[in-house]
Amino acid sequence: MIISSLHESYDTPPDIPAFTGSAPKKLKIDTMSDALTNAAVAFANAFNTSTSGKSSCTSTSSTLSPSKSTELRMKNYEQLRYLQNLYDDGILTESEYTKQKENILLSLRNLC
């Protein structure tokens, strides 16, 4: 910066940042971990609301962006398909299947 005449002193820091540009891109692993974290929060909230008997929207779902909400919905649909496959293969009993299905559907309802 001193060479380019943007700053005159070696002793004091410059008033402008040394590097300018856009923020670093978010890595795919960070995006995936954010999605999984949000899915886990939605699932936990669905479980907590099912035990307390509340059916209103959760506070975390109102702060989610539309794309995150869509991602969570798609993950819930995938969980339903996977659950159906487990039931069809005889791995889950009917009571286990209906209990898990209700949990997933409740989390879908809470996403609003």
PDB file of N, CA and C in Angstrom:
ATOM      1  N   MET A   1       0.815  -1.182   0.000  1.00  0.00           N
ATOM      2  CA  MET A   1       0.000   0.000   0.000  1.00  0.00           C
ATOM      3  C   MET A   1       0.865   1.254   0.000  1.00  0.00           C
ATOM      4  N   ILE A   2       2.006   1.154   0.644  1.00  0.00           N
ATOM      5  CA  ILE A   2       2.886   2.319   0.665  1.00  0.00           C
ATOM      6  C   ILE A   2       3.468   2.548  -0.724  1.00  0.00           C
ATOM      7  N   ILE A   3       3.784   1.477  -1.392  1.00  0.00           N
ATOM      8  CA  ILE A   3       4.345   1.601  -2.735  1.00  0.00           C
ATOM      9  C   ILE A   3       3.339   2.241  -3.678  1.00  0.00           C
ATOM     10  N   SER A   4       2.059   1.901  -3.538  1.00  0.00           N
ATOM     11  CA  SER A   4       1.042   2.451  -4.438  1.00  0.00           C
ATOM     12  C   SER A   4       0.551   3.834  -4.000  1.00  0.00           C
ATOM     13  N   SER A   5       1.167   4.422  -2.976  1.00  0.00           N
ATOM     14  CA  SER A   5       0.848   5.759  -2.468  1.00  0.00           C
ATOM     15  C   SER A   5      -0.543   5.857  -1.861  1.00  0.00           C
ATOM     16  N   LEU A   6      -1.089   4.732  -1.413  1.00  0.00           N
ATOM     17  CA  LEU A   6      -2.369   4.777  -0.733  1.00  0.00           C
ATOM     18  C   LEU A   6      -2.206   4.975   0.774  1.00  0.00           C
ATOM     19  N   HIS A   7      -0.967   4.811   1.250  1.00  0.00           N
ATOM     20  CA  HIS A   7      -0.699   4.958   2.666  1.00  0.00           C
ATOM     21  C   HIS A   7       0.731   5.433   2.822  1.00  0.00           C
ATOM     22  N   GLU A   8       0.959   6.366   3.763  1.00  0.00           N
ATOM     23  CA  GLU A   8       2.275   6.954   3.883  1.00  0.00           C
ATOM     24  C   GLU A   8       3.100   6.440   5.047  1.00  0.00           C
ATOM     25  N   SER A   9       2.499   5.785   6.027  1.00  0.00           N
ATOM     26  CA  SER A   9       3.212   5.473   7.251  1.00  0.00           C
ATOM     27  C   SER A   9       3.383   3.964   7.421  1.00  0.00           C
ATOM     28  N   TYR A  10       4.571   3.591   7.903  1.00  0.00           N
ATOM     29  CA  TYR A  10       4.823   2.201   8.255  1.00  0.00           C
ATOM     30  C   TYR A  10       4.299   1.890   9.665  1.00  0.00           C
ATOM     31  N   ASP A  11       4.048   2.908  10.459  1.00  0.00           N
ATOM     32  CA  ASP A  11       3.692   2.730  11.866  1.00  0.00           C
ATOM     33  C   ASP A  11       2.197   2.600  12.121  1.00  0.00           C
ATOM     34  N   THR A  12       1.357   3.253  11.371  1.00  0.00           N
ATOM     35  CA  THR A  12      -0.088   3.206  11.592  1.00  0.00           C
ATOM     36  C   THR A  12      -0.752   2.386  10.486  1.00  0.00           C
ATOM     37  N   PRO A  13      -1.795   1.669  10.843  1.00  0.00           N
ATOM     38  CA  PRO A  13      -2.480   0.873   9.825  1.00  0.00           C
ATOM     39  C   PRO A  13      -3.271   1.763   8.871  1.00  0.00           C
ATOM     40  N   PRO A  14      -3.521   1.303   7.680  1.00  0.00           N
ATOM     41  CA  PRO A  14      -4.284   2.105   6.719  1.00  0.00           C
ATOM     42  C   PRO A  14      -5.755   2.199   7.117  1.00  0.00           C
ATOM     43  N   ASP A  15      -6.425   3.225   6.620  1.00  0.00           N
ATOM     44  CA  ASP A  15      -7.839   3.429   6.898  1.00  0.00           C
ATOM     45  C   ASP A  15      -8.727   2.543   6.024  1.00  0.00           C
ATOM     46  N   ILE A  16      -8.199   2.072   4.934  1.00  0.00           N
ATOM     47  CA  ILE A  16      -8.989   1.222   4.034  1.00  0.00           C
ATOM     48  C   ILE A  16      -8.475  -0.206   4.129  1.00  0.00           C
ATOM     49  N   PRO A  17      -9.313  -1.179   3.850  1.00  0.00           N
ATOM     50  CA  PRO A  17      -8.859  -2.566   3.939  1.00  0.00           C
ATOM     51  C   PRO A  17      -7.822  -2.881   2.861  1.00  0.00           C
ATOM     52  N   ALA A  18      -6.915  -3.772   3.180  1.00  0.00           N
ATOM     53  CA  ALA A  18      -5.864  -4.143   2.237  1.00  0.00           C
ATOM     54  C   ALA A  18      -6.432  -4.926   1.058  1.00  0.00           C
ATOM     55  N   PHE A  19      -7.450  -5.731   1.314  1.00  0.00           N
ATOM     56  CA  PHE A  19      -8.051  -6.526   0.256  1.00  0.00           C
ATOM     57  C   PHE A  19      -9.514  -6.161   0.133  1.00  0.00           C
ATOM     58  N   THR A  20      -9.974  -5.994  -1.064  1.00  0.00           N
ATOM     59  CA  THR A  20     -11.383  -5.714  -1.294  1.00  0.00           C
ATOM     60  C   THR A  20     -11.931  -6.762  -2.240  1.00  0.00           C
ATOM     61  N   GLY A  21     -13.204  -6.914  -2.198  1.00  0.00           N
ATOM     62  CA  GLY A  21     -13.852  -7.893  -3.054  1.00  0.00           C
ATOM     63  C   GLY A  21     -15.031  -8.501  -2.335  1.00  0.00           C
ATOM     64  N   SER A  22     -15.583  -9.519  -2.947  1.00  0.00           N
ATOM     65  CA  SER A  22     -16.753 -10.165  -2.346  1.00  0.00           C
ATOM     66  C   SER A  22     -16.335 -11.106  -1.224  1.00  0.00           C
ATOM     67  N   ALA A  23     -17.289 -11.463  -0.427  1.00  0.00           N
ATOM     68  CA  ALA A  23     -17.038 -12.394   0.670  1.00  0.00           C
ATOM     69  C   ALA A  23     -16.690 -13.764   0.097  1.00  0.00           C
ATOM     70  N   PRO A  24     -15.938 -14.560   0.819  1.00  0.00           N
ATOM     71  CA  PRO A  24     -15.590 -15.880   0.305  1.00  0.00           C
ATOM     72  C   PRO A  24     -16.839 -16.726   0.106  1.00  0.00           C
ATOM     73  N   LYS A  25     -16.806 -17.543  -0.935  1.00  0.00           N
ATOM     74  CA  LYS A  25     -17.949 -18.401  -1.237  1.00  0.00           C
ATOM     75  C   LYS A  25     -18.114 -19.444  -0.159  1.00  0.00           C
ATOM     76  N   LYS A  26     -19.356 -19.790   0.090  1.00  0.00           N
ATOM     77  CA  LYS A  26     -19.667 -20.800   1.087  1.00  0.00           C
ATOM     78  C   LYS A  26     -19.422 -22.178   0.465  1.00  0.00           C
ATOM     79  N   LEU A  27     -18.730 -23.023   1.175  1.00  0.00           N
ATOM     80  CA  LEU A  27     -18.452 -24.356   0.678  1.00  0.00           C
ATOM     81  C   LEU A  27     -19.703 -25.213   0.684  1.00  0.00           C
ATOM     82  N   LYS A  28     -19.752 -26.224  -0.192  1.00  0.00           N
ATOM     83  CA  LYS A  28     -20.909 -27.110  -0.247  1.00  0.00           C
ATOM     84  C   LYS A  28     -21.110 -27.846   1.065  1.00  0.00           C
ATOM     85  N   ILE A  29     -20.022 -28.173   1.729  1.00  0.00           N
ATOM     86  CA  ILE A  29     -20.145 -28.900   2.993  1.00  0.00           C
ATOM     87  C   ILE A  29     -20.815 -28.022   4.047  1.00  0.00           C
ATOM     88  N   ASP A  30     -20.552 -26.706   4.021  1.00  0.00           N
ATOM     89  CA  ASP A  30     -21.215 -25.797   4.946  1.00  0.00           C
ATOM     90  C   ASP A  30     -22.704 -25.712   4.648  1.00  0.00           C
ATOM     91  N   THR A  31     -23.059 -25.648   3.370  1.00  0.00           N
ATOM     92  CA  THR A  31     -24.458 -25.592   2.983  1.00  0.00           C
ATOM     93  C   THR A  31     -25.178 -26.856   3.407  1.00  0.00           C
ATOM     94  N   MET A  32     -24.532 -28.008   3.214  1.00  0.00           N
ATOM     95  CA  MET A  32     -25.139 -29.272   3.594  1.00  0.00           C
ATOM     96  C   MET A  32     -25.303 -29.366   5.103  1.00  0.00           C
ATOM     97  N   SER A  33     -24.298 -28.922   5.847  1.00  0.00           N
ATOM     98  CA  SER A  33     -24.413 -28.985   7.305  1.00  0.00           C
ATOM     99  C   SER A  33     -25.492 -28.029   7.801  1.00  0.00           C
ATOM    100  N   ASP A  34     -25.646 -26.871   7.149  1.00  0.00           N
ATOM    101  CA  ASP A  34     -26.723 -25.961   7.517  1.00  0.00           C
ATOM    102  C   ASP A  34     -28.085 -26.600   7.271  1.00  0.00           C
ATOM    103  N   ALA A  35     -28.225 -27.259   6.119  1.00  0.00           N
ATOM    104  CA  ALA A  35     -29.484 -27.919   5.797  1.00  0.00           C
ATOM    105  C   ALA A  35     -29.790 -29.033   6.786  1.00  0.00           C
ATOM    106  N   LEU A  36     -28.777 -29.822   7.127  1.00  0.00           N
ATOM    107  CA  LEU A  36     -28.993 -30.905   8.080  1.00  0.00           C
ATOM    108  C   LEU A  36     -29.317 -30.358   9.466  1.00  0.00           C
ATOM    109  N   THR A  37     -28.656 -29.289   9.838  1.00  0.00           N
ATOM    110  CA  THR A  37     -28.950 -28.677  11.130  1.00  0.00           C
ATOM    111  C   THR A  37     -30.387 -28.178  11.168  1.00  0.00           C
ATOM    112  N   ASN A  38     -30.813 -27.508  10.105  1.00  0.00           N
ATOM    113  CA  ASN A  38     -32.190 -27.017  10.053  1.00  0.00           C
ATOM    114  C   ASN A  38     -33.191 -28.164  10.033  1.00  0.00           C
ATOM    115  N   ALA A  39     -32.850 -29.246   9.347  1.00  0.00           N
ATOM    116  CA  ALA A  39     -33.735 -30.407   9.335  1.00  0.00           C
ATOM    117  C   ALA A  39     -33.832 -31.016  10.722  1.00  0.00           C
ATOM    118  N   ALA A  40     -32.718 -31.087  11.418  1.00  0.00           N
ATOM    119  CA  ALA A  40     -32.725 -31.635  12.772  1.00  0.00           C
ATOM    120  C   ALA A  40     -33.533 -30.750  13.714  1.00  0.00           C
ATOM    121  N   VAL A  41     -33.410 -29.443  13.558  1.00  0.00           N
ATOM    122  CA  VAL A  41     -34.184 -28.520  14.391  1.00  0.00           C
ATOM    123  C   VAL A  41     -35.670 -28.673  14.113  1.00  0.00           C
ATOM    124  N   ALA A  42     -36.030 -28.773  12.834  1.00  0.00           N
ATOM    125  CA  ALA A  42     -37.438 -28.938  12.479  1.00  0.00           C
ATOM    126  C   ALA A  42     -37.982 -30.253  13.024  1.00  0.00           C
ATOM    127  N   PHE A  43     -37.180 -31.311  12.929  1.00  0.00           N
ATOM    128  CA  PHE A  43     -37.615 -32.607  13.442  1.00  0.00           C
ATOM    129  C   PHE A  43     -37.770 -32.554  14.961  1.00  0.00           C
ATOM    130  N   ALA A  44     -36.827 -31.943  15.637  1.00  0.00           N
ATOM    131  CA  ALA A  44     -36.906 -31.835  17.101  1.00  0.00           C
ATOM    132  C   ALA A  44     -38.115 -31.004  17.509  1.00  0.00           C
ATOM    133  N   ASN A  45     -38.358 -29.921  16.786  1.00  0.00           N
ATOM    134  CA  ASN A  45     -39.524 -29.095  17.091  1.00  0.00           C
ATOM    135  C   ASN A  45     -40.816 -29.859  16.840  1.00  0.00           C
ATOM    136  N   ALA A  46     -40.842 -30.661  15.791  1.00  0.00           N
ATOM    137  CA  ALA A  46     -42.028 -31.467  15.514  1.00  0.00           C
ATOM    138  C   ALA A  46     -42.257 -32.467  16.636  1.00  0.00           C
ATOM    139  N   PHE A  47     -41.191 -33.064  17.105  1.00  0.00           N
ATOM    140  CA  PHE A  47     -41.316 -34.030  18.193  1.00  0.00           C
ATOM    141  C   PHE A  47     -41.765 -33.332  19.473  1.00  0.00           C
ATOM    142  N   ASN A  48     -41.199 -32.182  19.762  1.00  0.00           N
ATOM    143  CA  ASN A  48     -41.571 -31.442  20.976  1.00  0.00           C
ATOM    144  C   ASN A  48     -43.017 -30.971  20.921  1.00  0.00           C
ATOM    145  N   THR A  49     -43.484 -30.522  19.762  1.00  0.00           N
ATOM    146  CA  THR A  49     -44.864 -30.056  19.673  1.00  0.00           C
ATOM    147  C   THR A  49     -45.835 -31.218  19.716  1.00  0.00           C
ATOM    148  N   SER A  50     -45.417 -32.399  19.247  1.00  0.00           N
ATOM    149  CA  SER A  50     -46.325 -33.548  19.304  1.00  0.00           C
ATOM    150  C   SER A  50     -46.531 -33.991  20.740  1.00  0.00           C
ATOM    151  N   THR A  51     -45.543 -33.828  21.594  1.00  0.00           N
ATOM    152  CA  THR A  51     -45.698 -34.225  22.986  1.00  0.00           C
ATOM    153  C   THR A  51     -46.462 -33.183  23.778  1.00  0.00           C
ATOM    154  N   SER A  52     -46.416 -31.927  23.357  1.00  0.00           N
ATOM    155  CA  SER A  52     -47.127 -30.901  24.110  1.00  0.00           C
ATOM    156  C   SER A  52     -48.526 -30.660  23.570  1.00  0.00           C
ATOM    157  N   GLY A  53     -48.839 -31.194  22.392  1.00  0.00           N
ATOM    158  CA  GLY A  53     -50.188 -31.061  21.843  1.00  0.00           C
ATOM    159  C   GLY A  53     -50.415 -29.786  21.059  1.00  0.00           C
ATOM    160  N   LYS A  54     -49.409 -29.011  20.778  1.00  0.00           N
ATOM    161  CA  LYS A  54     -49.558 -27.786  20.011  1.00  0.00           C
ATOM    162  C   LYS A  54     -49.464 -28.113  18.530  1.00  0.00           C
ATOM    163  N   SER A  55     -50.241 -27.390  17.711  1.00  0.00           N
ATOM    164  CA  SER A  55     -50.181 -27.624  16.273  1.00  0.00           C
ATOM    165  C   SER A  55     -49.858 -26.360  15.498  1.00  0.00           C
ATOM    166  N   SER A  56     -49.425 -25.318  16.172  1.00  0.00           N
ATOM    167  CA  SER A  56     -49.100 -24.074  15.489  1.00  0.00           C
ATOM    168  C   SER A  56     -47.688 -24.136  14.909  1.00  0.00           C
ATOM    169  N   CYS A  57     -47.353 -23.143  14.109  1.00  0.00           N
ATOM    170  CA  CYS A  57     -46.034 -23.092  13.478  1.00  0.00           C
ATOM    171  C   CYS A  57     -44.966 -22.834  14.524  1.00  0.00           C
ATOM    172  N   THR A  58     -43.799 -23.383  14.299  1.00  0.00           N
ATOM    173  CA  THR A  58     -42.701 -23.167  15.232  1.00  0.00           C
ATOM    174  C   THR A  58     -42.037 -21.840  14.937  1.00  0.00           C
ATOM    175  N   SER A  59     -41.332 -21.311  15.904  1.00  0.00           N
ATOM    176  CA  SER A  59     -40.668 -20.021  15.714  1.00  0.00           C
ATOM    177  C   SER A  59     -39.503 -20.131  14.750  1.00  0.00           C
ATOM    178  N   THR A  60     -38.852 -21.299  14.692  1.00  0.00           N
ATOM    179  CA  THR A  60     -37.725 -21.438  13.766  1.00  0.00           C
ATOM    180  C   THR A  60     -38.198 -21.515  12.327  1.00  0.00           C
ATOM    181  N   SER A  61     -39.400 -22.057  12.090  1.00  0.00           N
ATOM    182  CA  SER A  61     -39.866 -22.157  10.716  1.00  0.00           C
ATOM    183  C   SER A  61     -40.201 -20.779  10.152  1.00  0.00           C
ATOM    184  N   SER A  62     -40.588 -19.827  10.997  1.00  0.00           N
ATOM    185  CA  SER A  62     -40.903 -18.505  10.493  1.00  0.00           C
ATOM    186  C   SER A  62     -39.639 -17.719  10.130  1.00  0.00           C
ATOM    187  N   THR A  63     -38.480 -18.141  10.643  1.00  0.00           N
ATOM    188  CA  THR A  63     -37.243 -17.446  10.332  1.00  0.00           C
ATOM    189  C   THR A  63     -36.505 -18.092   9.161  1.00  0.00           C
ATOM    190  N   LEU A  64     -37.001 -19.211   8.652  1.00  0.00           N
ATOM    191  CA  LEU A  64     -36.343 -19.892   7.539  1.00  0.00           C
ATOM    192  C   LEU A  64     -36.619 -19.168   6.232  1.00  0.00           C
ATOM    193  N   SER A  65     -35.638 -19.164   5.367  1.00  0.00           N
ATOM    194  CA  SER A  65     -35.841 -18.608   4.046  1.00  0.00           C
ATOM    195  C   SER A  65     -36.703 -19.574   3.238  1.00  0.00           C
ATOM    196  N   PRO A  66     -37.329 -19.107   2.169  1.00  0.00           N
ATOM    197  CA  PRO A  66     -38.164 -20.003   1.356  1.00  0.00           C
ATOM    198  C   PRO A  66     -37.386 -21.190   0.794  1.00  0.00           C
ATOM    199  N   SER A  67     -36.123 -20.985   0.440  1.00  0.00           N
ATOM    200  CA  SER A  67     -35.353 -22.097  -0.113  1.00  0.00           C
ATOM    201  C   SER A  67     -35.054 -23.144   0.958  1.00  0.00           C
ATOM    202  N   LYS A  68     -34.756 -22.698   2.182  1.00  0.00           N
ATOM    203  CA  LYS A  68     -34.507 -23.642   3.281  1.00  0.00           C
ATOM    204  C   LYS A  68     -35.782 -24.404   3.614  1.00  0.00           C
ATOM    205  N   SER A  69     -36.902 -23.705   3.606  1.00  0.00           N
ATOM    206  CA  SER A  69     -38.179 -24.350   3.885  1.00  0.00           C
ATOM    207  C   SER A  69     -38.481 -25.408   2.831  1.00  0.00           C
ATOM    208  N   THR A  70     -38.200 -25.099   1.577  1.00  0.00           N
ATOM    209  CA  THR A  70     -38.416 -26.062   0.502  1.00  0.00           C
ATOM    210  C   THR A  70     -37.498 -27.262   0.658  1.00  0.00           C
ATOM    211  N   GLU A  71     -36.241 -27.007   1.028  1.00  0.00           N
ATOM    212  CA  GLU A  71     -35.301 -28.109   1.258  1.00  0.00           C
ATOM    213  C   GLU A  71     -35.795 -29.027   2.370  1.00  0.00           C
ATOM    214  N   LEU A  72     -36.286 -28.438   3.440  1.00  0.00           N
ATOM    215  CA  LEU A  72     -36.777 -29.243   4.563  1.00  0.00           C
ATOM    216  C   LEU A  72     -38.007 -30.047   4.166  1.00  0.00           C
ATOM    217  N   ARG A  73     -38.887 -29.443   3.379  1.00  0.00           N
ATOM    218  CA  ARG A  73     -40.059 -30.181   2.902  1.00  0.00           C
ATOM    219  C   ARG A  73     -39.638 -31.380   2.050  1.00  0.00           C
ATOM    220  N   MET A  74     -38.683 -31.160   1.157  1.00  0.00           N
ATOM    221  CA  MET A  74     -38.218 -32.252   0.299  1.00  0.00           C
ATOM    222  C   MET A  74     -37.582 -33.360   1.135  1.00  0.00           C
ATOM    223  N   LYS A  75     -36.833 -32.995   2.159  1.00  0.00           N
ATOM    224  CA  LYS A  75     -36.230 -34.002   3.034  1.00  0.00           C
ATOM    225  C   LYS A  75     -37.303 -34.792   3.773  1.00  0.00           C
ATOM    226  N   ASN A  76     -38.378 -34.120   4.179  1.00  0.00           N
ATOM    227  CA  ASN A  76     -39.479 -34.828   4.836  1.00  0.00           C
ATOM    228  C   ASN A  76     -40.159 -35.792   3.871  1.00  0.00           C
ATOM    229  N   TYR A  77     -40.350 -35.387   2.632  1.00  0.00           N
ATOM    230  CA  TYR A  77     -40.948 -36.281   1.641  1.00  0.00           C
ATOM    231  C   TYR A  77     -40.044 -37.489   1.379  1.00  0.00           C
ATOM    232  N   GLU A  78     -38.742 -37.240   1.329  1.00  0.00           N
ATOM    233  CA  GLU A  78     -37.799 -38.351   1.156  1.00  0.00           C
ATOM    234  C   GLU A  78     -37.855 -39.304   2.351  1.00  0.00           C
ATOM    235  N   GLN A  79     -37.991 -38.741   3.546  1.00  0.00           N
ATOM    236  CA  GLN A  79     -38.111 -39.588   4.735  1.00  0.00           C
ATOM    237  C   GLN A  79     -39.378 -40.428   4.673  1.00  0.00           C
ATOM    238  N   LEU A  80     -40.469 -39.848   4.173  1.00  0.00           N
ATOM    239  CA  LEU A  80     -41.712 -40.609   4.037  1.00  0.00           C
ATOM    240  C   LEU A  80     -41.551 -41.766   3.049  1.00  0.00           C
ATOM    241  N   ARG A  81     -40.878 -41.498   1.930  1.00  0.00           N
ATOM    242  CA  ARG A  81     -40.640 -42.562   0.954  1.00  0.00           C
ATOM    243  C   ARG A  81     -39.773 -43.668   1.550  1.00  0.00           C
ATOM    244  N   TYR A  82     -38.731 -43.286   2.255  1.00  0.00           N
ATOM    245  CA  TYR A  82     -37.838 -44.256   2.883  1.00  0.00           C
ATOM    246  C   TYR A  82     -38.588 -45.061   3.944  1.00  0.00           C
ATOM    247  N   LEU A  83     -39.408 -44.397   4.711  1.00  0.00           N
ATOM    248  CA  LEU A  83     -40.207 -45.065   5.732  1.00  0.00           C
ATOM    249  C   LEU A  83     -41.162 -46.069   5.094  1.00  0.00           C
ATOM    250  N   GLN A  84     -41.777 -45.685   3.972  1.00  0.00           N
ATOM    251  CA  GLN A  84     -42.679 -46.594   3.264  1.00  0.00           C
ATOM    252  C   GLN A  84     -41.919 -47.817   2.755  1.00  0.00           C
ATOM    253  N   ASN A  85     -40.710 -47.609   2.259  1.00  0.00           N
ATOM    254  CA  ASN A  85     -39.897 -48.743   1.798  1.00  0.00           C
ATOM    255  C   ASN A  85     -39.559 -49.689   2.948  1.00  0.00           C
ATOM    256  N   LEU A  86     -39.223 -49.137   4.103  1.00  0.00           N
ATOM    257  CA  LEU A  86     -38.935 -49.973   5.270  1.00  0.00           C
ATOM    258  C   LEU A  86     -40.158 -50.778   5.677  1.00  0.00           C
ATOM    259  N   TYR A  87     -41.316 -50.159   5.615  1.00  0.00           N
ATOM    260  CA  TYR A  87     -42.553 -50.853   5.972  1.00  0.00           C
ATOM    261  C   TYR A  87     -42.874 -51.938   4.944  1.00  0.00           C
ATOM    262  N   ASP A  88     -42.719 -51.605   3.659  1.00  0.00           N
ATOM    263  CA  ASP A  88     -42.993 -52.585   2.592  1.00  0.00           C
ATOM    264  C   ASP A  88     -42.059 -53.785   2.665  1.00  0.00           C
ATOM    265  N   ASP A  89     -40.822 -53.567   3.083  1.00  0.00           N
ATOM    266  CA  ASP A  89     -39.852 -54.656   3.193  1.00  0.00           C
ATOM    267  C   ASP A  89     -40.025 -55.470   4.468  1.00  0.00           C
ATOM    268  N   GLY A  90     -40.937 -55.062   5.341  1.00  0.00           N
ATOM    269  CA  GLY A  90     -41.201 -55.803   6.561  1.00  0.00           C
ATOM    270  C   GLY A  90     -40.247 -55.488   7.697  1.00  0.00           C
ATOM    271  N   ILE A  91     -39.482 -54.426   7.563  1.00  0.00           N
ATOM    272  CA  ILE A  91     -38.523 -54.058   8.604  1.00  0.00           C
ATOM    273  C   ILE A  91     -39.238 -53.371   9.767  1.00  0.00           C
ATOM    274  N   LEU A  92     -40.256 -52.567   9.448  1.00  0.00           N
ATOM    275  CA  LEU A  92     -41.028 -51.865  10.474  1.00  0.00           C
ATOM    276  C   LEU A  92     -42.398 -52.522  10.652  1.00  0.00           C
ATOM    277  N   THR A  93     -42.878 -52.527  11.880  1.00  0.00           N
ATOM    278  CA  THR A  93     -44.244 -52.980  12.128  1.00  0.00           C
ATOM    279  C   THR A  93     -45.203 -51.856  11.769  1.00  0.00           C
ATOM    280  N   GLU A  94     -46.480 -52.180  11.718  1.00  0.00           N
ATOM    281  CA  GLU A  94     -47.460 -51.158  11.352  1.00  0.00           C
ATOM    282  C   GLU A  94     -47.527 -50.042  12.389  1.00  0.00           C
ATOM    283  N   SER A  95     -47.400 -50.384  13.666  1.00  0.00           N
ATOM    284  CA  SER A  95     -47.448 -49.351  14.704  1.00  0.00           C
ATOM    285  C   SER A  95     -46.220 -48.443  14.635  1.00  0.00           C
ATOM    286  N   GLU A  96     -45.038 -49.021  14.384  1.00  0.00           N
ATOM    287  CA  GLU A  96     -43.828 -48.206  14.232  1.00  0.00           C
ATOM    288  C   GLU A  96     -43.955 -47.291  13.018  1.00  0.00           C
ATOM    289  N   TYR A  97     -44.491 -47.855  11.934  1.00  0.00           N
ATOM    290  CA  TYR A  97     -44.661 -47.087  10.702  1.00  0.00           C
ATOM    291  C   TYR A  97     -45.598 -45.904  10.916  1.00  0.00           C
ATOM    292  N   THR A  98     -46.745 -46.138  11.546  1.00  0.00           N
ATOM    293  CA  THR A  98     -47.709 -45.049  11.721  1.00  0.00           C
ATOM    294  C   THR A  98     -47.177 -43.987  12.689  1.00  0.00           C
ATOM    295  N   LYS A  99     -46.452 -44.418  13.717  1.00  0.00           N
ATOM    296  CA  LYS A  99     -45.895 -43.449  14.671  1.00  0.00           C
ATOM    297  C   LYS A  99     -44.884 -42.537  13.989  1.00  0.00           C
ATOM    298  N   GLN A 100     -43.958 -43.128  13.223  1.00  0.00           N
ATOM    299  CA  GLN A 100     -42.943 -42.325  12.528  1.00  0.00           C
ATOM    300  C   GLN A 100     -43.565 -41.468  11.433  1.00  0.00           C
ATOM    301  N   LYS A 101     -44.565 -42.014  10.760  1.00  0.00           N
ATOM    302  CA  LYS A 101     -45.240 -41.255   9.710  1.00  0.00           C
ATOM    303  C   LYS A 101     -45.916 -40.021  10.298  1.00  0.00           C
ATOM    304  N   GLU A 102     -46.568 -40.170  11.441  1.00  0.00           N
ATOM    305  CA  GLU A 102     -47.199 -39.025  12.093  1.00  0.00           C
ATOM    306  C   GLU A 102     -46.174 -37.975  12.507  1.00  0.00           C
ATOM    307  N   ASN A 103     -45.014 -38.416  12.984  1.00  0.00           N
ATOM    308  CA  ASN A 103     -43.958 -37.459  13.350  1.00  0.00           C
ATOM    309  C   ASN A 103     -43.497 -36.657  12.142  1.00  0.00           C
ATOM    310  N   ILE A 104     -43.303 -37.335  11.023  1.00  0.00           N
ATOM    311  CA  ILE A 104     -42.838 -36.652   9.807  1.00  0.00           C
ATOM    312  C   ILE A 104     -43.915 -35.708   9.291  1.00  0.00           C
ATOM    313  N   LEU A 105     -45.165 -36.163   9.277  1.00  0.00           N
ATOM    314  CA  LEU A 105     -46.257 -35.307   8.802  1.00  0.00           C
ATOM    315  C   LEU A 105     -46.449 -34.093   9.710  1.00  0.00           C
ATOM    316  N   LEU A 106     -46.258 -34.286  10.995  1.00  0.00           N
ATOM    317  CA  LEU A 106     -46.353 -33.161  11.925  1.00  0.00           C
ATOM    318  C   LEU A 106     -45.254 -32.137  11.659  1.00  0.00           C
ATOM    319  N   SER A 107     -44.050 -32.609  11.380  1.00  0.00           N
ATOM    320  CA  SER A 107     -42.969 -31.667  11.070  1.00  0.00           C
ATOM    321  C   SER A 107     -43.248 -30.927   9.757  1.00  0.00           C
ATOM    322  N   LEU A 108     -43.911 -31.590   8.809  1.00  0.00           N
ATOM    323  CA  LEU A 108     -44.307 -30.919   7.563  1.00  0.00           C
ATOM    324  C   LEU A 108     -45.333 -29.826   7.846  1.00  0.00           C
ATOM    325  N   ARG A 109     -46.300 -30.129   8.697  1.00  0.00           N
ATOM    326  CA  ARG A 109     -47.322 -29.135   9.036  1.00  0.00           C
ATOM    327  C   ARG A 109     -46.708 -27.927   9.751  1.00  0.00           C
ATOM    328  N   ASN A 110     -45.673 -28.157  10.542  1.00  0.00           N
ATOM    329  CA  ASN A 110     -45.058 -27.073  11.298  1.00  0.00           C
ATOM    330  C   ASN A 110     -44.196 -26.166  10.443  1.00  0.00           C
ATOM    331  N   LEU A 111     -43.851 -26.593   9.239  1.00  0.00           N
ATOM    332  CA  LEU A 111     -43.037 -25.742   8.365  1.00  0.00           C
ATOM    333  C   LEU A 111     -43.842 -24.597   7.770  1.00  0.00           C
ATOM    334  N   CYS A 112     -45.162 -24.696   7.760  1.00  0.00           N
ATOM    335  CA  CYS A 112     -46.079 -23.657   7.243  1.00  0.00           C
ATOM    336  C   CYS A 112     -45.729 -23.260   5.843  1.00  0.00           C
TER     337      CYS A 112
END
